[in-house]
Amino acid sequence: MKRRKCCPKCGSGSIVRVPDHPYRHASGNNIYTSTFTLIGKIPVIRYVCCDCGYVENWVETRQERDEIRRRFGET
């Protein structure tokens, strides 16, 4: 959905990107890599199909994905 701007479930092109609010502690589906509240906050950006309601979550930058890999390791 992020790249193709098309819903994989219903084929709709009515896709909305829901960003994180950087100054709100409990905003979105964040991943925390630190015990300190805002220091290790990595936002998970949501893409929503406005026709069927399908949702995808993305960690958008390579730097943020690398930090998650360092903190939690790979399985």
PDB file of N, CA and C in Angstrom:
ATOM      1  N   MET A   1       0.821  -1.195   0.000  1.00  0.00           N
ATOM      2  CA  MET A   1       0.000   0.000   0.000  1.00  0.00           C
ATOM      3  C   MET A   1       0.858   1.248   0.000  1.00  0.00           C
ATOM      4  N   LYS A   2       1.938   1.201   0.746  1.00  0.00           N
ATOM      5  CA  LYS A   2       2.807   2.374   0.838  1.00  0.00           C
ATOM      6  C   LYS A   2       3.400   2.729  -0.527  1.00  0.00           C
ATOM      7  N   ARG A   3       3.887   1.757  -1.226  1.00  0.00           N
ATOM      8  CA  ARG A   3       4.575   2.019  -2.502  1.00  0.00           C
ATOM      9  C   ARG A   3       3.626   2.085  -3.689  1.00  0.00           C
ATOM     10  N   ARG A   4       2.672   1.175  -3.728  1.00  0.00           N
ATOM     11  CA  ARG A   4       1.793   1.081  -4.903  1.00  0.00           C
ATOM     12  C   ARG A   4       0.562   1.976  -4.821  1.00  0.00           C
ATOM     13  N   LYS A   5       0.293   2.501  -3.617  1.00  0.00           N
ATOM     14  CA  LYS A   5      -0.893   3.353  -3.412  1.00  0.00           C
ATOM     15  C   LYS A   5      -2.167   2.618  -3.817  1.00  0.00           C
ATOM     16  N   CYS A   6      -2.171   1.299  -3.559  1.00  0.00           N
ATOM     17  CA  CYS A   6      -3.301   0.459  -3.912  1.00  0.00           C
ATOM     18  C   CYS A   6      -3.493  -0.571  -2.804  1.00  0.00           C
ATOM     19  N   CYS A   7      -4.730  -0.781  -2.371  1.00  0.00           N
ATOM     20  CA  CYS A   7      -5.018  -1.729  -1.314  1.00  0.00           C
ATOM     21  C   CYS A   7      -4.860  -3.170  -1.810  1.00  0.00           C
ATOM     22  N   PRO A   8      -4.071  -4.002  -1.118  1.00  0.00           N
ATOM     23  CA  PRO A   8      -3.896  -5.384  -1.546  1.00  0.00           C
ATOM     24  C   PRO A   8      -5.137  -6.249  -1.294  1.00  0.00           C
ATOM     25  N   LYS A   9      -6.075  -5.791  -0.482  1.00  0.00           N
ATOM     26  CA  LYS A   9      -7.282  -6.568  -0.183  1.00  0.00           C
ATOM     27  C   LYS A   9      -8.406  -6.289  -1.175  1.00  0.00           C
ATOM     28  N   CYS A  10      -8.663  -5.001  -1.461  1.00  0.00           N
ATOM     29  CA  CYS A  10      -9.823  -4.674  -2.297  1.00  0.00           C
ATOM     30  C   CYS A  10      -9.464  -3.969  -3.608  1.00  0.00           C
ATOM     31  N   GLY A  11      -8.184  -3.558  -3.759  1.00  0.00           N
ATOM     32  CA  GLY A  11      -7.756  -2.903  -4.994  1.00  0.00           C
ATOM     33  C   GLY A  11      -8.021  -1.406  -5.044  1.00  0.00           C
ATOM     34  N   SER A  12      -8.567  -0.838  -4.004  1.00  0.00           N
ATOM     35  CA  SER A  12      -8.889   0.585  -3.980  1.00  0.00           C
ATOM     36  C   SER A  12      -7.623   1.442  -3.984  1.00  0.00           C
ATOM     37  N   GLY A  13      -7.739   2.625  -4.539  1.00  0.00           N
ATOM     38  CA  GLY A  13      -6.652   3.592  -4.524  1.00  0.00           C
ATOM     39  C   GLY A  13      -6.865   4.673  -3.465  1.00  0.00           C
ATOM     40  N   SER A  14      -7.870   4.488  -2.623  1.00  0.00           N
ATOM     41  CA  SER A  14      -8.197   5.472  -1.585  1.00  0.00           C
ATOM     42  C   SER A  14      -7.399   5.146  -0.322  1.00  0.00           C
ATOM     43  N   ILE A  15      -6.120   5.505  -0.344  1.00  0.00           N
ATOM     44  CA  ILE A  15      -5.185   5.181   0.727  1.00  0.00           C
ATOM     45  C   ILE A  15      -4.793   6.468   1.459  1.00  0.00           C
ATOM     46  N   VAL A  16      -4.792   6.416   2.779  1.00  0.00           N
ATOM     47  CA  VAL A  16      -4.412   7.567   3.592  1.00  0.00           C
ATOM     48  C   VAL A  16      -3.237   7.178   4.480  1.00  0.00           C
ATOM     49  N   ARG A  17      -2.233   8.046   4.554  1.00  0.00           N
ATOM     50  CA  ARG A  17      -1.084   7.866   5.442  1.00  0.00           C
ATOM     51  C   ARG A  17      -1.394   8.583   6.748  1.00  0.00           C
ATOM     52  N   VAL A  18      -1.352   7.846   7.863  1.00  0.00           N
ATOM     53  CA  VAL A  18      -1.622   8.427   9.178  1.00  0.00           C
ATOM     54  C   VAL A  18      -0.286   8.574   9.893  1.00  0.00           C
ATOM     55  N   PRO A  19       0.228   9.801  10.011  1.00  0.00           N
ATOM     56  CA  PRO A  19       1.545  10.008  10.621  1.00  0.00           C
ATOM     57  C   PRO A  19       1.486   9.975  12.142  1.00  0.00           C
ATOM     58  N   ASP A  20       2.640   9.834  12.736  1.00  0.00           N
ATOM     59  CA  ASP A  20       2.787   9.933  14.177  1.00  0.00           C
ATOM     60  C   ASP A  20       2.750  11.413  14.563  1.00  0.00           C
ATOM     61  N   HIS A  21       2.307  11.702  15.757  1.00  0.00           N
ATOM     62  CA  HIS A  21       2.367  13.058  16.297  1.00  0.00           C
ATOM     63  C   HIS A  21       3.597  13.102  17.203  1.00  0.00           C
ATOM     64  N   PRO A  22       4.673  13.767  16.807  1.00  0.00           N
ATOM     65  CA  PRO A  22       5.956  13.656  17.506  1.00  0.00           C
ATOM     66  C   PRO A  22       5.985  14.153  18.942  1.00  0.00           C
ATOM     67  N   TYR A  23       5.056  15.018  19.334  1.00  0.00           N
ATOM     68  CA  TYR A  23       5.107  15.587  20.683  1.00  0.00           C
ATOM     69  C   TYR A  23       4.082  14.969  21.631  1.00  0.00           C
ATOM     70  N   ARG A  24       3.425  13.940  21.193  1.00  0.00           N
ATOM     71  CA  ARG A  24       2.423  13.287  22.032  1.00  0.00           C
ATOM     72  C   ARG A  24       2.939  11.925  22.458  1.00  0.00           C
ATOM     73  N   HIS A  25       3.002  11.687  23.741  1.00  0.00           N
ATOM     74  CA  HIS A  25       3.617  10.472  24.284  1.00  0.00           C
ATOM     75  C   HIS A  25       2.938   9.197  23.797  1.00  0.00           C
ATOM     76  N   ALA A  26       1.636   9.114  23.838  1.00  0.00           N
ATOM     77  CA  ALA A  26       0.936   7.866  23.539  1.00  0.00           C
ATOM     78  C   ALA A  26       0.372   7.842  22.119  1.00  0.00           C
ATOM     79  N   SER A  27       0.997   8.522  21.209  1.00  0.00           N
ATOM     80  CA  SER A  27       0.499   8.616  19.842  1.00  0.00           C
ATOM     81  C   SER A  27       0.906   7.412  19.013  1.00  0.00           C
ATOM     82  N   GLY A  28      -0.025   6.824  18.329  1.00  0.00           N
ATOM     83  CA  GLY A  28       0.283   5.774  17.366  1.00  0.00           C
ATOM     84  C   GLY A  28       0.789   4.483  17.977  1.00  0.00           C
ATOM     85  N   ASN A  29       1.330   3.649  17.125  1.00  0.00           N
ATOM     86  CA  ASN A  29       1.913   2.376  17.534  1.00  0.00           C
ATOM     87  C   ASN A  29       3.413   2.535  17.546  1.00  0.00           C
ATOM     88  N   ASN A  30       3.931   3.168  18.562  1.00  0.00           N
ATOM     89  CA  ASN A  30       5.360   3.438  18.623  1.00  0.00           C
ATOM     90  C   ASN A  30       6.128   2.225  19.134  1.00  0.00           C
ATOM     91  N   ILE A  31       7.397   2.155  18.751  1.00  0.00           N
ATOM     92  CA  ILE A  31       8.318   1.159  19.279  1.00  0.00           C
ATOM     93  C   ILE A  31       9.330   1.929  20.111  1.00  0.00           C
ATOM     94  N   TYR A  32       9.487   1.521  21.359  1.00  0.00           N
ATOM     95  CA  TYR A  32      10.401   2.216  22.260  1.00  0.00           C
ATOM     96  C   TYR A  32      11.678   1.400  22.425  1.00  0.00           C
ATOM     97  N   THR A  33      12.813   2.030  22.149  1.00  0.00           N
ATOM     98  CA  THR A  33      14.108   1.350  22.255  1.00  0.00           C
ATOM     99  C   THR A  33      14.874   1.794  23.487  1.00  0.00           C
ATOM    100  N   SER A  34      14.242   2.588  24.333  1.00  0.00           N
ATOM    101  CA  SER A  34      14.863   3.094  25.546  1.00  0.00           C
ATOM    102  C   SER A  34      13.819   3.118  26.654  1.00  0.00           C
ATOM    103  N   THR A  35      14.263   3.085  27.892  1.00  0.00           N
ATOM    104  CA  THR A  35      13.331   3.205  29.009  1.00  0.00           C
ATOM    105  C   THR A  35      12.927   4.650  29.253  1.00  0.00           C
ATOM    106  N   PHE A  36      13.612   5.592  28.623  1.00  0.00           N
ATOM    107  CA  PHE A  36      13.251   7.002  28.722  1.00  0.00           C
ATOM    108  C   PHE A  36      12.140   7.300  27.733  1.00  0.00           C
ATOM    109  N   THR A  37      11.155   8.046  28.151  1.00  0.00           N
ATOM    110  CA  THR A  37       9.907   8.212  27.424  1.00  0.00           C
ATOM    111  C   THR A  37      10.052   8.617  25.960  1.00  0.00           C
ATOM    112  N   LEU A  38      10.701   9.718  25.662  1.00  0.00           N
ATOM    113  CA  LEU A  38      10.711  10.207  24.278  1.00  0.00           C
ATOM    114  C   LEU A  38      12.042  10.010  23.565  1.00  0.00           C
ATOM    115  N   ILE A  39      13.056   9.545  24.249  1.00  0.00           N
ATOM    116  CA  ILE A  39      14.373   9.431  23.625  1.00  0.00           C
ATOM    117  C   ILE A  39      14.412   8.319  22.586  1.00  0.00           C
ATOM    118  N   GLY A  40      13.900   7.145  22.921  1.00  0.00           N
ATOM    119  CA  GLY A  40      13.993   6.010  22.018  1.00  0.00           C
ATOM    120  C   GLY A  40      12.706   5.698  21.299  1.00  0.00           C
ATOM    121  N   LYS A  41      11.919   6.703  20.979  1.00  0.00           N
ATOM    122  CA  LYS A  41      10.621   6.499  20.337  1.00  0.00           C
ATOM    123  C   LYS A  41      10.774   6.412  18.819  1.00  0.00           C
ATOM    124  N   ILE A  42      10.380   5.280  18.262  1.00  0.00           N
ATOM    125  CA  ILE A  42      10.390   5.115  16.811  1.00  0.00           C
ATOM    126  C   ILE A  42       8.934   5.022  16.358  1.00  0.00           C
ATOM    127  N   PRO A  43       8.503   5.948  15.500  1.00  0.00           N
ATOM    128  CA  PRO A  43       7.102   5.941  15.081  1.00  0.00           C
ATOM    129  C   PRO A  43       6.809   4.823  14.087  1.00  0.00           C
ATOM    130  N   VAL A  44       5.632   4.249  14.227  1.00  0.00           N
ATOM    131  CA  VAL A  44       5.132   3.288  13.252  1.00  0.00           C
ATOM    132  C   VAL A  44       4.023   4.002  12.500  1.00  0.00           C
ATOM    133  N   ILE A  45       4.249   4.216  11.220  1.00  0.00           N
ATOM    134  CA  ILE A  45       3.305   4.969  10.386  1.00  0.00           C
ATOM    135  C   ILE A  45       2.263   4.003   9.828  1.00  0.00           C
ATOM    136  N   ARG A  46       1.014   4.423   9.855  1.00  0.00           N
ATOM    137  CA  ARG A  46      -0.076   3.573   9.367  1.00  0.00           C
ATOM    138  C   ARG A  46      -0.580   4.055   8.015  1.00  0.00           C
ATOM    139  N   TYR A  47      -0.880   3.082   7.159  1.00  0.00           N
ATOM    140  CA  TYR A  47      -1.526   3.344   5.881  1.00  0.00           C
ATOM    141  C   TYR A  47      -2.879   2.636   5.929  1.00  0.00           C
ATOM    142  N   VAL A  48      -3.949   3.395   5.673  1.00  0.00           N
ATOM    143  CA  VAL A  48      -5.304   2.878   5.825  1.00  0.00           C
ATOM    144  C   VAL A  48      -6.040   2.954   4.492  1.00  0.00           C
ATOM    145  N   CYS A  49      -6.707   1.861   4.122  1.00  0.00           N
ATOM    146  CA  CYS A  49      -7.599   1.872   2.966  1.00  0.00           C
ATOM    147  C   CYS A  49      -8.932   2.425   3.437  1.00  0.00           C
ATOM    148  N   CYS A  50      -9.369   3.520   2.838  1.00  0.00           N
ATOM    149  CA  CYS A  50     -10.611   4.162   3.266  1.00  0.00           C
ATOM    150  C   CYS A  50     -11.850   3.462   2.721  1.00  0.00           C
ATOM    151  N   ASP A  51     -11.673   2.457   1.862  1.00  0.00           N
ATOM    152  CA  ASP A  51     -12.825   1.713   1.359  1.00  0.00           C
ATOM    153  C   ASP A  51     -13.111   0.455   2.173  1.00  0.00           C
ATOM    154  N   CYS A  52     -12.093  -0.366   2.448  1.00  0.00           N
ATOM    155  CA  CYS A  52     -12.354  -1.623   3.169  1.00  0.00           C
ATOM    156  C   CYS A  52     -11.825  -1.626   4.600  1.00  0.00           C
ATOM    157  N   GLY A  53     -10.961  -0.656   4.955  1.00  0.00           N
ATOM    158  CA  GLY A  53     -10.453  -0.563   6.312  1.00  0.00           C
ATOM    159  C   GLY A  53      -9.162  -1.313   6.571  1.00  0.00           C
ATOM    160  N   TYR A  54      -8.599  -1.928   5.550  1.00  0.00           N
ATOM    161  CA  TYR A  54      -7.326  -2.641   5.725  1.00  0.00           C
ATOM    162  C   TYR A  54      -6.242  -1.648   6.155  1.00  0.00           C
ATOM    163  N   VAL A  55      -5.350  -2.085   7.073  1.00  0.00           N
ATOM    164  CA  VAL A  55      -4.300  -1.215   7.605  1.00  0.00           C
ATOM    165  C   VAL A  55      -2.953  -1.905   7.507  1.00  0.00           C
ATOM    166  N   GLU A  56      -1.928  -1.160   7.080  1.00  0.00           N
ATOM    167  CA  GLU A  56      -0.542  -1.624   7.115  1.00  0.00           C
ATOM    168  C   GLU A  56       0.254  -0.688   8.004  1.00  0.00           C
ATOM    169  N   ASN A  57       1.218  -1.242   8.730  1.00  0.00           N
ATOM    170  CA  ASN A  57       2.108  -0.460   9.596  1.00  0.00           C
ATOM    171  C   ASN A  57       3.510  -0.497   9.019  1.00  0.00           C
ATOM    172  N   TRP A  58       4.191   0.658   9.036  1.00  0.00           N
ATOM    173  CA  TRP A  58       5.541   0.767   8.475  1.00  0.00           C
ATOM    174  C   TRP A  58       6.457   1.568   9.387  1.00  0.00           C
ATOM    175  N   VAL A  59       7.678   1.085   9.544  1.00  0.00           N
ATOM    176  CA  VAL A  59       8.770   1.884  10.101  1.00  0.00           C
ATOM    177  C   VAL A  59       9.499   2.380   8.869  1.00  0.00           C
ATOM    178  N   GLU A  60       9.440   3.676   8.627  1.00  0.00           N
ATOM    179  CA  GLU A  60       9.769   4.187   7.297  1.00  0.00           C
ATOM    180  C   GLU A  60      11.246   4.395   6.985  1.00  0.00           C
ATOM    181  N   THR A  61      12.093   4.679   7.963  1.00  0.00           N
ATOM    182  CA  THR A  61      13.471   4.998   7.600  1.00  0.00           C
ATOM    183  C   THR A  61      14.423   3.846   7.926  1.00  0.00           C
ATOM    184  N   ARG A  62      15.465   3.741   7.150  1.00  0.00           N
ATOM    185  CA  ARG A  62      16.491   2.718   7.355  1.00  0.00           C
ATOM    186  C   ARG A  62      17.134   2.879   8.732  1.00  0.00           C
ATOM    187  N   GLN A  63      17.399   4.113   9.125  1.00  0.00           N
ATOM    188  CA  GLN A  63      18.018   4.391  10.427  1.00  0.00           C
ATOM    189  C   GLN A  63      17.155   3.851  11.566  1.00  0.00           C
ATOM    190  N   GLU A  64      15.855   4.051  11.491  1.00  0.00           N
ATOM    191  CA  GLU A  64      14.956   3.556  12.530  1.00  0.00           C
ATOM    192  C   GLU A  64      14.910   2.027  12.536  1.00  0.00           C
ATOM    193  N   ARG A  65      14.894   1.411  11.368  1.00  0.00           N
ATOM    194  CA  ARG A  65      14.900  -0.058  11.302  1.00  0.00           C
ATOM    195  C   ARG A  65      16.209  -0.625  11.822  1.00  0.00           C
ATOM    196  N   ASP A  66      17.320   0.051  11.542  1.00  0.00           N
ATOM    197  CA  ASP A  66      18.620  -0.393  12.064  1.00  0.00           C
ATOM    198  C   ASP A  66      18.659  -0.302  13.583  1.00  0.00           C
ATOM    199  N   GLU A  67      18.067   0.757  14.140  1.00  0.00           N
ATOM    200  CA  GLU A  67      18.016   0.902  15.597  1.00  0.00           C
ATOM    201  C   GLU A  67      17.198  -0.225  16.235  1.00  0.00           C
ATOM    202  N   ILE A  68      16.097  -0.582  15.619  1.00  0.00           N
ATOM    203  CA  ILE A  68      15.284  -1.701  16.116  1.00  0.00           C
ATOM    204  C   ILE A  68      16.087  -2.995  16.067  1.00  0.00           C
ATOM    205  N   ARG A  69      16.811  -3.204  14.990  1.00  0.00           N
ATOM    206  CA  ARG A  69      17.646  -4.408  14.856  1.00  0.00           C
ATOM    207  C   ARG A  69      18.720  -4.444  15.948  1.00  0.00           C
ATOM    208  N   ARG A  70      19.368  -3.306  16.204  1.00  0.00           N
ATOM    209  CA  ARG A  70      20.397  -3.244  17.261  1.00  0.00           C
ATOM    210  C   ARG A  70      19.801  -3.536  18.636  1.00  0.00           C
ATOM    211  N   ARG A  71      18.644  -2.963  18.900  1.00  0.00           N
ATOM    212  CA  ARG A  71      18.034  -3.087  20.230  1.00  0.00           C
ATOM    213  C   ARG A  71      17.435  -4.467  20.492  1.00  0.00           C
ATOM    214  N   PHE A  72      16.750  -5.026  19.503  1.00  0.00           N
ATOM    215  CA  PHE A  72      16.008  -6.256  19.723  1.00  0.00           C
ATOM    216  C   PHE A  72      16.591  -7.477  19.031  1.00  0.00           C
ATOM    217  N   GLY A  73      17.549  -7.264  18.102  1.00  0.00           N
ATOM    218  CA  GLY A  73      18.139  -8.390  17.384  1.00  0.00           C
ATOM    219  C   GLY A  73      17.185  -8.967  16.358  1.00  0.00           C
ATOM    220  N   GLU A  74      17.680  -9.918  15.621  1.00  0.00           N
ATOM    221  CA  GLU A  74      16.856 -10.576  14.597  1.00  0.00           C
ATOM    222  C   GLU A  74      16.519 -11.977  15.055  1.00  0.00           C
ATOM    223  N   THR A  75      15.373 -12.469  14.625  1.00  0.00           N
ATOM    224  CA  THR A  75      14.972 -13.826  14.995  1.00  0.00           C
ATOM    225  C   THR A  75      15.188 -14.786  13.847  1.00  0.00           C
TER     226      THR A  75
END
